[in-house]
N, C-alpha and C. Protein backbone atom coordinates (compact mmCIF):
# COMPACT_ATOMS: atom_id res chain seq x y z
N MET A 1 0.83 -1.19 0.00
CA MET A 1 0.00 0.00 0.00
C MET A 1 0.88 1.25 0.00
N LYS A 2 1.98 1.23 0.77
CA LYS A 2 2.87 2.39 0.81
C LYS A 2 3.47 2.66 -0.56
N LYS A 3 3.86 1.58 -1.27
CA LYS A 3 4.42 1.76 -2.61
C LYS A 3 3.40 2.40 -3.54
N TYR A 4 2.16 1.94 -3.44
CA TYR A 4 1.10 2.48 -4.29
C TYR A 4 0.90 3.97 -4.01
N LEU A 5 0.85 4.35 -2.73
CA LEU A 5 0.66 5.75 -2.37
C LEU A 5 1.85 6.60 -2.82
N LEU A 6 3.05 6.06 -2.70
CA LEU A 6 4.25 6.78 -3.13
C LEU A 6 4.22 7.00 -4.64
N LEU A 7 3.88 5.96 -5.41
CA LEU A 7 3.79 6.10 -6.86
C LEU A 7 2.71 7.11 -7.26
N LEU A 8 1.59 7.08 -6.56
CA LEU A 8 0.51 8.01 -6.83
C LEU A 8 0.96 9.45 -6.55
N ALA A 9 1.63 9.66 -5.43
CA ALA A 9 2.13 10.99 -5.07
C ALA A 9 3.14 11.48 -6.09
N LEU A 10 4.05 10.62 -6.55
CA LEU A 10 5.04 11.01 -7.55
C LEU A 10 4.37 11.36 -8.88
N ALA A 11 3.35 10.61 -9.25
CA ALA A 11 2.64 10.89 -10.51
C ALA A 11 1.94 12.24 -10.44
N ILE A 12 1.38 12.56 -9.31
CA ILE A 12 0.69 13.84 -9.15
C ILE A 12 1.67 15.00 -9.14
N LEU A 13 2.80 14.82 -8.49
CA LEU A 13 3.77 15.90 -8.33
C LEU A 13 4.74 16.04 -9.50
N ALA A 14 4.80 15.03 -10.37
CA ALA A 14 5.74 15.08 -11.49
C ALA A 14 5.35 16.22 -12.43
N PRO A 15 6.34 16.96 -12.92
CA PRO A 15 6.01 18.05 -13.84
C PRO A 15 5.41 17.50 -15.13
N MET A 16 4.39 18.16 -15.59
CA MET A 16 3.74 17.73 -16.81
C MET A 16 4.38 18.45 -17.99
N GLY A 17 4.56 17.74 -19.09
CA GLY A 17 5.10 18.34 -20.31
C GLY A 17 4.04 19.19 -20.98
N ALA A 18 4.45 19.92 -21.98
CA ALA A 18 3.51 20.78 -22.71
C ALA A 18 2.45 19.91 -23.37
N GLN A 19 1.22 20.29 -23.21
CA GLN A 19 0.10 19.59 -23.81
C GLN A 19 -0.27 20.30 -25.10
N ALA A 20 -0.48 19.56 -26.16
CA ALA A 20 -0.91 20.17 -27.41
C ALA A 20 -2.30 20.77 -27.22
N ALA A 21 -2.54 21.86 -27.90
CA ALA A 21 -3.83 22.53 -27.85
C ALA A 21 -4.36 22.66 -29.27
N ASP A 22 -5.60 23.07 -29.40
CA ASP A 22 -6.21 23.20 -30.71
C ASP A 22 -6.77 24.60 -30.91
N CYS A 23 -6.64 25.11 -32.12
CA CYS A 23 -7.34 26.31 -32.55
C CYS A 23 -8.22 25.91 -33.72
N PHE A 24 -9.43 26.41 -33.69
CA PHE A 24 -10.39 26.13 -34.74
C PHE A 24 -10.53 27.39 -35.59
N VAL A 25 -10.31 27.25 -36.88
CA VAL A 25 -10.32 28.38 -37.81
C VAL A 25 -11.48 28.17 -38.78
N SER A 26 -12.45 29.05 -38.73
CA SER A 26 -13.57 29.03 -39.68
C SER A 26 -13.34 30.14 -40.69
N GLU A 27 -13.50 29.82 -41.96
CA GLU A 27 -13.24 30.78 -43.03
C GLU A 27 -14.57 31.26 -43.62
N TYR A 28 -14.66 32.55 -43.88
CA TYR A 28 -15.89 33.16 -44.39
C TYR A 28 -15.61 34.03 -45.59
N ALA A 29 -16.52 33.99 -46.56
CA ALA A 29 -16.42 34.86 -47.72
C ALA A 29 -17.09 36.20 -47.43
N TYR A 30 -18.09 36.19 -46.53
CA TYR A 30 -18.85 37.40 -46.22
C TYR A 30 -19.13 37.48 -44.73
N ILE A 31 -19.28 38.69 -44.25
CA ILE A 31 -19.84 38.89 -42.92
C ILE A 31 -21.13 39.67 -43.12
N THR A 32 -21.94 39.71 -42.11
CA THR A 32 -23.24 40.34 -42.21
C THR A 32 -23.11 41.86 -42.30
N ARG A 33 -24.03 42.48 -43.02
CA ARG A 33 -24.08 43.94 -43.12
C ARG A 33 -25.35 44.43 -42.44
N SER A 34 -25.23 45.57 -41.80
CA SER A 34 -26.38 46.17 -41.13
C SER A 34 -27.28 46.86 -42.16
N ALA A 35 -28.43 47.35 -41.71
CA ALA A 35 -29.37 48.03 -42.60
C ALA A 35 -28.75 49.26 -43.26
N ASP A 36 -27.77 49.88 -42.59
CA ASP A 36 -27.11 51.06 -43.18
C ASP A 36 -25.80 50.69 -43.88
N SER A 37 -25.68 49.41 -44.29
CA SER A 37 -24.56 48.89 -45.09
C SER A 37 -23.21 48.91 -44.39
N LYS A 38 -23.20 48.82 -43.09
CA LYS A 38 -21.95 48.72 -42.33
C LYS A 38 -21.70 47.25 -41.99
N ASP A 39 -20.42 46.84 -42.04
CA ASP A 39 -20.09 45.47 -41.67
C ASP A 39 -20.36 45.24 -40.19
N VAL A 40 -20.90 44.08 -39.87
CA VAL A 40 -21.21 43.71 -38.50
C VAL A 40 -20.45 42.41 -38.20
N GLN A 41 -19.88 42.31 -37.02
CA GLN A 41 -19.08 41.14 -36.68
C GLN A 41 -19.96 39.94 -36.38
N VAL A 42 -20.67 39.49 -37.39
CA VAL A 42 -21.54 38.32 -37.30
C VAL A 42 -21.25 37.49 -38.54
N ALA A 43 -20.85 36.26 -38.35
CA ALA A 43 -20.46 35.41 -39.47
C ALA A 43 -21.66 34.82 -40.19
N ARG A 44 -21.50 34.61 -41.48
CA ARG A 44 -22.45 33.84 -42.27
C ARG A 44 -21.97 32.40 -42.30
N ALA A 45 -22.50 31.59 -43.19
CA ALA A 45 -22.07 30.18 -43.29
C ALA A 45 -20.59 30.11 -43.67
N ALA A 46 -19.87 29.22 -43.02
CA ALA A 46 -18.43 29.08 -43.27
C ALA A 46 -18.16 28.47 -44.64
N VAL A 47 -17.14 28.98 -45.30
CA VAL A 47 -16.65 28.40 -46.55
C VAL A 47 -16.02 27.05 -46.24
N THR A 48 -15.22 27.01 -45.19
CA THR A 48 -14.57 25.78 -44.73
C THR A 48 -14.08 26.01 -43.31
N THR A 49 -13.70 24.95 -42.63
CA THR A 49 -13.12 25.06 -41.28
C THR A 49 -11.88 24.18 -41.21
N GLN A 50 -10.99 24.54 -40.29
CA GLN A 50 -9.79 23.74 -40.05
C GLN A 50 -9.53 23.67 -38.55
N GLN A 51 -8.88 22.63 -38.15
CA GLN A 51 -8.43 22.47 -36.77
C GLN A 51 -6.91 22.40 -36.80
N VAL A 52 -6.25 23.28 -36.05
CA VAL A 52 -4.79 23.33 -36.01
C VAL A 52 -4.35 22.95 -34.59
N THR A 53 -3.64 21.83 -34.47
CA THR A 53 -3.11 21.38 -33.19
C THR A 53 -1.67 21.90 -33.09
N TYR A 54 -1.34 22.53 -31.95
CA TYR A 54 -0.04 23.19 -31.85
C TYR A 54 0.55 23.08 -30.44
N THR A 55 1.84 23.17 -30.35
CA THR A 55 2.63 23.53 -29.16
C THR A 55 3.66 24.51 -29.69
N THR A 56 4.58 24.01 -30.55
CA THR A 56 5.49 24.90 -31.24
C THR A 56 4.74 25.56 -32.40
N SER A 57 5.34 26.51 -33.07
CA SER A 57 4.64 27.22 -34.14
C SER A 57 4.17 26.24 -35.21
N THR A 58 2.86 26.26 -35.45
CA THR A 58 2.23 25.37 -36.42
C THR A 58 1.31 26.18 -37.32
N GLN A 59 1.46 25.97 -38.63
CA GLN A 59 0.67 26.71 -39.61
C GLN A 59 -0.62 25.98 -39.97
N SER A 60 -1.63 26.76 -40.31
CA SER A 60 -2.84 26.21 -40.89
C SER A 60 -2.58 25.91 -42.36
N ALA A 61 -3.57 25.33 -43.02
CA ALA A 61 -3.52 25.23 -44.47
C ALA A 61 -3.79 26.63 -45.04
N ALA A 62 -3.44 26.85 -46.28
CA ALA A 62 -3.70 28.14 -46.92
C ALA A 62 -5.21 28.39 -46.99
N PHE A 63 -5.61 29.63 -46.79
CA PHE A 63 -7.02 29.98 -46.82
C PHE A 63 -7.59 29.82 -48.23
N ASN A 64 -8.85 29.45 -48.30
CA ASN A 64 -9.59 29.23 -49.53
C ASN A 64 -9.59 30.50 -50.39
N THR A 65 -9.74 30.34 -51.68
CA THR A 65 -9.75 31.50 -52.59
C THR A 65 -10.92 32.43 -52.33
N ALA A 66 -12.01 31.94 -51.73
CA ALA A 66 -13.17 32.79 -51.43
C ALA A 66 -13.08 33.46 -50.05
N THR A 67 -12.11 33.08 -49.24
CA THR A 67 -12.03 33.55 -47.86
C THR A 67 -11.58 35.00 -47.76
N LYS A 68 -12.36 35.78 -46.99
CA LYS A 68 -12.01 37.18 -46.71
C LYS A 68 -11.90 37.44 -45.22
N TYR A 69 -12.53 36.58 -44.42
CA TYR A 69 -12.55 36.72 -42.96
C TYR A 69 -12.36 35.35 -42.33
N ILE A 70 -11.74 35.34 -41.16
CA ILE A 70 -11.66 34.10 -40.40
C ILE A 70 -12.13 34.35 -38.97
N ARG A 71 -12.66 33.32 -38.37
CA ARG A 71 -13.02 33.31 -36.94
C ARG A 71 -12.12 32.28 -36.31
N VAL A 72 -11.43 32.66 -35.22
CA VAL A 72 -10.49 31.78 -34.55
C VAL A 72 -10.90 31.64 -33.09
N ILE A 73 -10.92 30.41 -32.60
CA ILE A 73 -11.13 30.15 -31.18
C ILE A 73 -10.21 29.00 -30.78
N CYS A 74 -9.52 29.15 -29.65
CA CYS A 74 -8.51 28.18 -29.22
C CYS A 74 -8.87 27.57 -27.86
N THR A 75 -8.46 26.31 -27.67
CA THR A 75 -8.73 25.61 -26.41
C THR A 75 -7.72 25.95 -25.33
N ALA A 76 -6.66 26.66 -25.70
CA ALA A 76 -5.63 27.11 -24.74
C ALA A 76 -5.06 28.41 -25.29
N LYS A 77 -4.33 29.14 -24.44
CA LYS A 77 -3.75 30.41 -24.90
C LYS A 77 -2.88 30.16 -26.13
N ALA A 78 -2.83 31.14 -26.99
CA ALA A 78 -2.05 30.99 -28.21
C ALA A 78 -1.51 32.34 -28.67
N HIS A 79 -0.29 32.33 -29.15
CA HIS A 79 0.26 33.46 -29.88
C HIS A 79 0.01 33.14 -31.35
N PHE A 80 -0.21 34.15 -32.17
CA PHE A 80 -0.54 33.88 -33.57
C PHE A 80 0.05 34.95 -34.48
N VAL A 81 0.14 34.61 -35.75
CA VAL A 81 0.51 35.55 -36.79
C VAL A 81 -0.11 35.06 -38.10
N ILE A 82 -0.50 36.00 -38.95
CA ILE A 82 -1.11 35.69 -40.24
C ILE A 82 -0.23 36.24 -41.34
N SER A 83 0.16 35.39 -42.30
CA SER A 83 0.92 35.81 -43.48
C SER A 83 0.97 34.63 -44.44
N THR A 84 1.76 34.75 -45.50
CA THR A 84 1.85 33.65 -46.46
C THR A 84 2.71 32.50 -45.95
N ASN A 85 3.66 32.78 -45.06
CA ASN A 85 4.49 31.74 -44.46
C ASN A 85 4.77 32.12 -43.01
N PRO A 86 3.75 32.07 -42.14
CA PRO A 86 3.89 32.60 -40.79
C PRO A 86 4.63 31.68 -39.81
N THR A 87 5.32 32.31 -38.88
CA THR A 87 5.92 31.61 -37.74
C THR A 87 5.55 32.39 -36.49
N ALA A 88 4.72 31.81 -35.65
CA ALA A 88 4.30 32.47 -34.42
C ALA A 88 5.39 32.32 -33.36
N THR A 89 5.58 33.36 -32.56
CA THR A 89 6.55 33.36 -31.46
C THR A 89 5.88 33.96 -30.23
N ALA A 90 6.60 33.96 -29.13
CA ALA A 90 6.08 34.58 -27.90
C ALA A 90 5.93 36.09 -28.06
N ALA A 91 6.52 36.66 -29.09
CA ALA A 91 6.43 38.11 -29.32
C ALA A 91 5.27 38.49 -30.25
N THR A 92 4.60 37.51 -30.86
CA THR A 92 3.47 37.81 -31.74
C THR A 92 2.20 37.96 -30.91
N PRO A 93 1.14 38.54 -31.49
CA PRO A 93 -0.08 38.78 -30.71
C PRO A 93 -0.62 37.53 -30.02
N TYR A 94 -1.37 37.77 -28.97
CA TYR A 94 -1.84 36.73 -28.06
C TYR A 94 -3.36 36.58 -28.13
N LEU A 95 -3.83 35.34 -28.12
CA LEU A 95 -5.26 35.03 -28.03
C LEU A 95 -5.51 34.30 -26.72
N PRO A 96 -6.42 34.78 -25.89
CA PRO A 96 -6.76 34.05 -24.67
C PRO A 96 -7.61 32.81 -25.00
N THR A 97 -7.72 31.93 -24.06
CA THR A 97 -8.49 30.69 -24.21
C THR A 97 -9.98 30.97 -24.38
N ASP A 98 -10.60 30.23 -25.30
CA ASP A 98 -12.06 30.22 -25.48
C ASP A 98 -12.68 31.59 -25.79
N LEU A 99 -11.93 32.46 -26.44
CA LEU A 99 -12.46 33.76 -26.81
C LEU A 99 -12.38 33.91 -28.33
N PRO A 100 -13.51 33.86 -29.04
CA PRO A 100 -13.46 33.94 -30.50
C PRO A 100 -13.04 35.32 -30.97
N GLU A 101 -12.24 35.34 -32.02
CA GLU A 101 -11.80 36.59 -32.64
C GLU A 101 -11.98 36.47 -34.15
N TYR A 102 -12.27 37.59 -34.80
CA TYR A 102 -12.42 37.65 -36.25
C TYR A 102 -11.30 38.48 -36.84
N PHE A 103 -10.80 38.05 -38.01
CA PHE A 103 -9.74 38.77 -38.69
C PHE A 103 -10.03 38.82 -40.18
N GLY A 104 -9.70 39.94 -40.82
CA GLY A 104 -9.74 40.03 -42.26
C GLY A 104 -8.46 39.44 -42.81
N VAL A 105 -8.57 38.60 -43.83
CA VAL A 105 -7.40 37.93 -44.41
C VAL A 105 -7.51 37.93 -45.93
N GLU A 106 -6.48 37.44 -46.57
CA GLU A 106 -6.46 37.28 -48.02
C GLU A 106 -6.36 35.81 -48.36
N ALA A 107 -6.96 35.43 -49.47
CA ALA A 107 -6.86 34.04 -49.94
C ALA A 107 -5.39 33.66 -50.07
N GLY A 108 -5.06 32.44 -49.70
CA GLY A 108 -3.68 31.96 -49.79
C GLY A 108 -2.84 32.21 -48.55
N GLN A 109 -3.26 33.15 -47.69
CA GLN A 109 -2.53 33.35 -46.44
C GLN A 109 -2.78 32.16 -45.51
N LYS A 110 -2.00 32.09 -44.43
CA LYS A 110 -2.14 31.06 -43.41
C LYS A 110 -2.08 31.75 -42.05
N ILE A 111 -2.48 31.02 -41.01
CA ILE A 111 -2.30 31.50 -39.64
C ILE A 111 -1.47 30.46 -38.90
N ALA A 112 -0.53 30.93 -38.09
CA ALA A 112 0.30 30.03 -37.28
C ALA A 112 0.02 30.30 -35.81
N PHE A 113 0.05 29.24 -35.01
CA PHE A 113 -0.19 29.33 -33.57
C PHE A 113 0.99 28.76 -32.80
N TYR A 114 1.24 29.32 -31.63
CA TYR A 114 2.34 28.87 -30.74
C TYR A 114 1.85 29.01 -29.30
N ASP A 115 2.17 28.04 -28.45
CA ASP A 115 1.68 28.09 -27.07
C ASP A 115 2.45 29.05 -26.17
N GLY A 116 3.57 29.56 -26.62
CA GLY A 116 4.34 30.53 -25.85
C GLY A 116 5.30 29.92 -24.86
N ALA A 117 5.34 28.59 -24.77
CA ALA A 117 6.20 27.97 -23.77
C ALA A 117 7.05 26.83 -24.30
N SER A 118 6.69 26.24 -25.41
CA SER A 118 7.41 25.04 -25.91
C SER A 118 8.64 25.42 -26.70
């Protein structure tokens, strides 16, 4: 019993390695317009969606040719950057956990995510 408790205590106290997290990227060709023709931050049907699993900087696939806006939500904190060949670092902008954000993008660009610690 003592060995079991000791092993259990060591397992609980052992440092955990970085856990991979996911960001979900929904791509949109249009966003909603108000009655006075102003853009409103409300998405229409997605052109496509992607799931990007990351610890170190990881890129999404290139955005669809119809994509003009993306919605991003992550299961853990993430640093991100958007470009044609992005590499996210701890110095790039930060997204908090479970908070959706919208960005204007160009077809062919990608988004990269980094956990800031790996």
